[in-house]
N, C-alpha and C. Protein backbone atom coordinates (compact mmCIF):
# COMPACT_ATOMS: atom_id res chain seq x y z
N MET A 1 62.18 45.19 -8.79
CA MET A 1 61.33 44.08 -8.90
C MET A 1 61.19 43.65 -10.46
N ARG A 2 61.68 44.57 -11.04
CA ARG A 2 61.38 44.76 -12.94
C ARG A 2 62.13 43.86 -13.20
N GLU A 3 64.31 43.60 -12.11
CA GLU A 3 64.73 42.74 -12.41
C GLU A 3 64.97 41.62 -12.04
N LEU A 4 63.88 40.96 -11.22
CA LEU A 4 63.85 39.94 -10.99
C LEU A 4 63.06 39.32 -12.41
N ALA A 5 61.66 40.25 -12.74
CA ALA A 5 60.87 39.10 -13.80
C ALA A 5 61.79 38.89 -14.98
N GLY A 6 62.56 40.36 -15.42
CA GLY A 6 63.27 39.83 -16.03
C GLY A 6 64.26 38.48 -15.99
N ILE A 7 64.51 38.46 -14.92
CA ILE A 7 65.27 36.46 -15.03
C ILE A 7 65.06 35.60 -14.95
N LEU A 8 63.31 35.81 -14.48
CA LEU A 8 62.82 34.63 -14.35
C LEU A 8 62.30 34.37 -15.77
N LEU A 9 61.71 35.26 -16.65
CA LEU A 9 61.14 35.21 -18.33
C LEU A 9 62.48 35.01 -18.91
N MET A 10 63.43 35.12 -18.65
CA MET A 10 64.44 34.73 -18.83
C MET A 10 65.81 33.30 -18.91
N ALA A 11 65.13 32.57 -17.42
CA ALA A 11 65.90 31.44 -17.35
C ALA A 11 65.44 30.85 -17.80
N PRO A 12 64.03 30.91 -18.32
CA PRO A 12 63.90 28.84 -19.38
C PRO A 12 64.81 29.40 -21.43
N ALA A 13 64.79 30.26 -20.96
CA ALA A 13 66.01 31.03 -22.78
C ALA A 13 67.15 30.29 -22.43
N GLU A 14 67.63 30.48 -21.00
CA GLU A 14 69.47 30.33 -20.85
C GLU A 14 69.19 28.69 -20.31
N GLY A 15 68.75 28.51 -19.67
CA GLY A 15 68.68 26.74 -19.52
C GLY A 15 67.99 26.22 -21.08
N ALA A 16 67.75 26.47 -22.44
CA ALA A 16 67.57 26.29 -23.18
C ALA A 16 68.95 25.81 -24.59
N GLU A 17 69.83 27.32 -23.87
CA GLU A 17 70.42 26.78 -24.76
C GLU A 17 72.14 26.48 -24.32
N ALA A 18 71.71 26.02 -22.51
CA ALA A 18 72.68 25.25 -22.23
C ALA A 18 72.52 23.82 -22.12
N GLY A 19 71.54 23.48 -23.04
CA GLY A 19 71.96 21.83 -23.49
C GLY A 19 69.92 21.12 -23.45
N GLU A 20 69.35 22.13 -22.73
CA GLU A 20 68.14 21.55 -22.55
C GLU A 20 67.07 22.05 -24.05
N GLY A 21 67.32 21.27 -25.16
CA GLY A 21 66.80 21.45 -25.93
C GLY A 21 65.27 21.33 -26.16
N GLY A 22 65.12 19.76 -26.21
CA GLY A 22 63.68 19.39 -25.42
C GLY A 22 62.86 19.85 -24.77
N PHE A 23 63.24 20.80 -24.11
CA PHE A 23 61.91 21.93 -23.27
C PHE A 23 61.29 22.20 -23.84
N GLY A 24 60.91 22.74 -25.02
CA GLY A 24 59.81 23.58 -25.97
C GLY A 24 59.12 21.77 -26.37
N MET A 25 59.95 21.02 -26.95
CA MET A 25 59.11 19.61 -27.43
C MET A 25 57.94 18.57 -26.85
N GLN A 26 58.68 18.87 -25.12
CA GLN A 26 58.34 18.34 -24.02
C GLN A 26 56.72 19.14 -24.05
N GLN A 27 56.81 20.38 -23.87
CA GLN A 27 55.48 20.88 -23.80
C GLN A 27 54.57 20.89 -25.03
N ILE A 28 55.30 20.90 -26.31
CA ILE A 28 53.90 20.59 -27.15
C ILE A 28 53.43 19.28 -26.69
N ILE A 29 54.29 17.99 -26.44
CA ILE A 29 53.80 16.86 -26.14
C ILE A 29 52.76 16.90 -25.14
N MET A 30 53.06 17.73 -24.15
CA MET A 30 52.18 17.76 -23.49
C MET A 30 50.72 18.08 -23.07
N PHE A 31 51.02 19.82 -24.12
CA PHE A 31 49.09 19.93 -24.43
C PHE A 31 48.91 18.94 -25.63
N GLY A 32 49.62 18.57 -26.57
CA GLY A 32 49.31 16.84 -27.36
C GLY A 32 48.35 16.06 -26.39
N ALA A 33 48.56 15.62 -25.29
CA ALA A 33 47.75 14.73 -24.72
C ALA A 33 46.94 15.38 -23.78
N ILE A 34 47.94 16.38 -23.62
CA ILE A 34 46.28 17.36 -22.43
C ILE A 34 44.51 17.12 -23.46
N PHE A 35 45.19 17.57 -24.72
CA PHE A 35 44.10 18.01 -25.55
C PHE A 35 43.38 16.36 -26.28
N LEU A 36 44.41 15.50 -26.03
CA LEU A 36 43.63 14.32 -26.41
C LEU A 36 42.72 13.71 -25.22
N VAL A 37 43.23 14.08 -24.47
CA VAL A 37 42.53 13.70 -23.18
C VAL A 37 40.81 14.35 -23.53
N PHE A 38 41.33 15.39 -23.18
CA PHE A 38 40.00 15.68 -23.19
C PHE A 38 39.29 15.46 -23.88
N TYR A 39 39.44 15.38 -25.41
CA TYR A 39 38.60 14.69 -26.43
C TYR A 39 38.35 13.46 -26.28
N LEU A 40 38.80 12.72 -26.08
CA LEU A 40 38.90 11.54 -25.74
C LEU A 40 37.07 11.16 -24.77
N PHE A 41 37.19 12.26 -23.47
CA PHE A 41 36.27 12.03 -21.94
C PHE A 41 35.59 13.00 -22.26
N MET A 42 35.61 14.13 -23.40
CA MET A 42 34.37 15.22 -23.08
C MET A 42 34.04 16.12 -24.78
N ILE A 43 34.20 15.58 -25.48
CA ILE A 43 34.10 16.04 -26.67
C ILE A 43 33.27 14.96 -26.93
N ARG A 44 33.78 13.99 -27.34
CA ARG A 44 33.79 13.13 -28.04
C ARG A 44 32.03 12.01 -27.96
N PRO A 45 32.53 11.89 -26.25
CA PRO A 45 30.55 11.42 -25.76
C PRO A 45 29.69 12.27 -25.75
N GLN A 46 30.01 13.56 -25.08
CA GLN A 46 29.52 14.45 -25.62
C GLN A 46 28.56 14.66 -27.36
N MET A 47 29.26 14.76 -27.93
CA MET A 47 29.26 14.35 -29.91
C MET A 47 28.33 12.94 -29.74
N LYS A 48 28.46 12.35 -28.94
CA LYS A 48 28.13 10.43 -29.07
C LYS A 48 26.49 10.67 -29.24
N LYS A 49 26.36 12.07 -27.73
CA LYS A 49 24.96 12.19 -27.33
C LYS A 49 23.69 12.99 -28.16
N GLN A 50 24.78 13.89 -28.33
CA GLN A 50 24.03 14.67 -29.23
C GLN A 50 23.25 13.91 -30.46
N LYS A 51 24.03 13.47 -31.42
CA LYS A 51 23.92 12.31 -32.91
C LYS A 51 22.67 11.48 -32.30
N GLU A 52 22.48 10.78 -31.06
CA GLU A 52 21.75 10.32 -30.38
C GLU A 52 20.49 10.93 -30.51
N ALA A 53 20.14 11.87 -29.84
CA ALA A 53 19.39 12.77 -29.35
C ALA A 53 18.54 13.32 -30.49
N LYS A 54 19.65 13.93 -31.32
CA LYS A 54 18.80 13.87 -32.48
C LYS A 54 18.00 13.00 -33.43
N LYS A 55 19.06 11.44 -33.80
CA LYS A 55 17.77 10.26 -34.39
C LYS A 55 17.12 9.98 -33.50
N PHE A 56 16.66 10.25 -32.11
CA PHE A 56 16.22 9.79 -31.28
C PHE A 56 14.64 10.88 -32.20
N LYS A 57 14.65 12.29 -31.36
CA LYS A 57 13.97 13.13 -32.42
C LYS A 57 12.80 12.96 -33.94
N GLU A 58 14.18 12.90 -34.90
CA GLU A 58 13.64 12.77 -35.83
C GLU A 58 12.62 11.29 -36.42
N SER A 59 13.03 9.94 -35.22
CA SER A 59 12.10 8.91 -35.44
C SER A 59 11.04 8.83 -34.13
N LEU A 60 10.89 10.21 -34.00
CA LEU A 60 9.06 10.30 -33.13
C LEU A 60 7.86 9.52 -34.20
N VAL A 61 7.16 9.32 -33.91
CA VAL A 61 6.04 9.00 -34.69
C VAL A 61 4.79 8.77 -34.12
N ASN A 62 3.38 9.37 -34.35
CA ASN A 62 2.48 9.36 -33.98
C ASN A 62 2.03 8.53 -32.99
N GLY A 63 1.40 7.77 -31.35
CA GLY A 63 1.16 6.92 -30.14
C GLY A 63 2.59 7.13 -29.42
N THR A 64 3.54 7.01 -29.82
CA THR A 64 4.95 7.52 -28.67
C THR A 64 4.69 7.91 -27.74
N LYS A 65 4.60 7.08 -26.38
CA LYS A 65 4.69 8.19 -24.92
C LYS A 65 5.86 8.95 -24.41
N ILE A 66 5.90 9.99 -24.40
CA ILE A 66 7.24 10.81 -24.37
C ILE A 66 6.68 11.93 -22.90
N ILE A 67 8.45 12.17 -22.36
CA ILE A 67 8.58 13.08 -21.42
C ILE A 67 8.88 14.28 -22.03
N THR A 68 8.57 15.39 -21.82
CA THR A 68 9.25 16.61 -22.34
C THR A 68 10.23 17.20 -21.41
N ILE A 69 11.32 18.01 -21.97
CA ILE A 69 12.13 18.70 -20.72
C ILE A 69 11.64 19.36 -19.62
N GLY A 70 10.75 19.68 -19.33
CA GLY A 70 9.49 20.08 -18.51
C GLY A 70 8.61 18.89 -17.28
N GLY A 71 8.92 17.99 -17.55
CA GLY A 71 8.52 16.96 -16.56
C GLY A 71 7.40 16.20 -17.75
N ILE A 72 6.83 16.72 -18.75
CA ILE A 72 5.38 16.98 -18.35
C ILE A 72 5.11 15.27 -19.22
N HIS A 73 3.70 14.72 -19.35
CA HIS A 73 4.18 13.37 -19.65
C HIS A 73 2.92 13.36 -20.72
N GLY A 74 3.19 13.01 -21.94
CA GLY A 74 2.32 12.91 -22.64
C GLY A 74 2.04 11.62 -24.01
N LYS A 75 1.20 11.73 -24.66
CA LYS A 75 1.61 10.72 -25.87
C LYS A 75 1.06 12.08 -27.17
N ILE A 76 2.11 11.14 -27.96
CA ILE A 76 2.01 12.27 -29.66
C ILE A 76 0.76 11.61 -30.42
N LEU A 77 0.39 13.00 -30.80
CA LEU A 77 -1.11 12.80 -31.61
C LEU A 77 -0.51 12.92 -32.62
N GLU A 78 0.41 13.98 -33.03
CA GLU A 78 0.71 14.44 -34.58
C GLU A 78 2.14 14.95 -34.29
N VAL A 79 2.90 14.65 -35.41
CA VAL A 79 3.93 15.20 -36.22
C VAL A 79 4.30 15.43 -37.48
N LYS A 80 4.41 16.77 -36.99
CA LYS A 80 4.75 17.91 -38.25
C LYS A 80 6.75 17.95 -38.12
N GLU A 81 7.21 19.28 -39.15
CA GLU A 81 8.57 19.42 -39.30
C GLU A 81 9.47 19.45 -38.03
N ASN A 82 8.85 20.02 -37.63
CA ASN A 82 9.19 20.99 -36.22
C ASN A 82 8.53 21.03 -34.73
N VAL A 83 7.23 20.49 -34.86
CA VAL A 83 6.43 20.50 -33.47
C VAL A 83 5.70 19.10 -33.37
N VAL A 84 5.09 19.50 -32.58
CA VAL A 84 4.43 18.10 -32.08
C VAL A 84 3.54 18.52 -31.33
N VAL A 85 2.48 17.79 -31.04
CA VAL A 85 0.74 17.76 -31.02
C VAL A 85 0.75 16.92 -30.03
N ILE A 86 1.04 16.88 -28.69
CA ILE A 86 0.54 15.49 -28.15
C ILE A 86 -0.34 15.93 -27.04
N GLU A 87 -0.71 14.55 -25.94
CA GLU A 87 -2.04 14.95 -25.56
C GLU A 87 -1.56 14.44 -23.73
N THR A 88 -1.88 15.35 -23.01
CA THR A 88 -1.60 14.63 -21.44
C THR A 88 -2.91 14.54 -21.05
N GLU A 89 -2.93 13.95 -19.62
CA GLU A 89 -3.77 13.54 -19.05
C GLU A 89 -5.00 14.73 -18.76
N GLY A 90 -5.88 13.98 -18.98
CA GLY A 90 -7.12 14.20 -19.01
C GLY A 90 -7.87 14.99 -20.17
N GLY A 91 -7.23 14.88 -21.13
CA GLY A 91 -7.63 14.79 -22.92
C GLY A 91 -6.98 16.25 -22.86
N ASN A 92 -5.84 17.03 -22.66
CA ASN A 92 -5.33 18.75 -23.22
C ASN A 92 -4.53 17.96 -24.22
N ARG A 93 -4.56 19.22 -25.29
CA ARG A 93 -3.53 18.89 -26.34
C ARG A 93 -2.29 20.26 -26.25
N LEU A 94 -1.14 19.75 -26.46
CA LEU A 94 -0.51 20.70 -26.45
C LEU A 94 0.45 21.01 -27.17
N LYS A 95 0.71 21.18 -27.88
CA LYS A 95 1.87 22.11 -29.08
C LYS A 95 2.94 22.14 -28.29
N LEU A 96 4.11 22.02 -28.97
CA LEU A 96 6.09 21.16 -28.39
C LEU A 96 6.55 21.59 -30.13
N GLU A 97 7.48 22.18 -29.50
CA GLU A 97 8.84 22.03 -30.18
C GLU A 97 9.27 20.57 -30.18
N LYS A 98 10.39 20.28 -31.10
CA LYS A 98 10.52 18.70 -31.15
C LYS A 98 11.96 18.35 -30.11
N THR A 99 12.65 19.59 -29.94
CA THR A 99 13.29 19.69 -29.19
C THR A 99 13.57 20.51 -27.71
N ALA A 100 11.76 20.80 -27.36
CA ALA A 100 11.48 20.01 -25.34
C ALA A 100 10.89 19.14 -25.41
N ILE A 101 11.55 17.75 -26.15
CA ILE A 101 11.05 16.42 -26.00
C ILE A 101 12.52 15.84 -25.66
N SER A 102 12.46 15.86 -24.11
CA SER A 102 13.56 14.83 -23.12
C SER A 102 13.44 13.18 -23.42
N LYS A 103 12.60 12.46 -23.79
CA LYS A 103 12.90 11.16 -23.58
C LYS A 103 11.62 10.48 -24.08
N GLU A 104 11.35 8.79 -24.46
CA GLU A 104 10.66 8.46 -24.44
C GLU A 104 10.46 7.79 -23.05
N PHE A 105 9.22 7.47 -22.92
CA PHE A 105 8.47 7.32 -22.03
C PHE A 105 8.24 5.47 -21.69
N ALA A 106 8.92 4.82 -20.44
CA ALA A 106 8.74 3.67 -20.45
C ALA A 106 8.36 3.02 -18.74
N ALA A 107 7.60 2.18 -19.54
CA ALA A 107 6.59 2.14 -18.02
C ALA A 107 8.26 1.39 -17.17
N GLU A 108 8.66 0.46 -17.59
CA GLU A 108 10.40 -0.01 -16.41
C GLU A 108 10.90 1.60 -15.31
N GLU A 109 10.20 2.55 -15.84
CA GLU A 109 11.35 3.82 -15.42
C GLU A 109 10.06 3.72 -14.15
N ILE A 110 8.90 3.74 -14.50
CA ILE A 110 7.59 3.16 -13.12
C ILE A 110 8.21 2.62 -11.55
N GLU A 111 8.31 1.79 -12.46
CA GLU A 111 8.50 0.79 -11.63
C GLU A 111 10.14 1.45 -10.87
N LYS A 112 11.04 1.56 -11.01
CA LYS A 112 11.85 1.11 -10.30
C LYS A 112 11.67 2.37 -9.29
N LYS A 113 11.62 3.51 -9.70
CA LYS A 113 10.70 4.45 -8.30
C LYS A 113 9.81 3.54 -7.70
């Protein structure tokens, strides 16, 4: 069993000596291409979404209607550095972290449903 493992591990090295010198370079190029695709389709769009979310949370002002991550609808009454006070239906007030705000409430969303 060990002999078979040794032969399999040595096979690429023997092939490389026999004239397949580009084998290692092909692997490097393939890994580079995989990383490039991963970056373009996974990392870059996620970074763009994070920038937009940060920009939205920094631009919150009094009177904006919002929806929290938990699904609570409300209107912003007060904006502080990291905290927002919102008013919900019935006149209740909630103090939330800015990170708990998901998106701005739009009347068009109700019409779609």
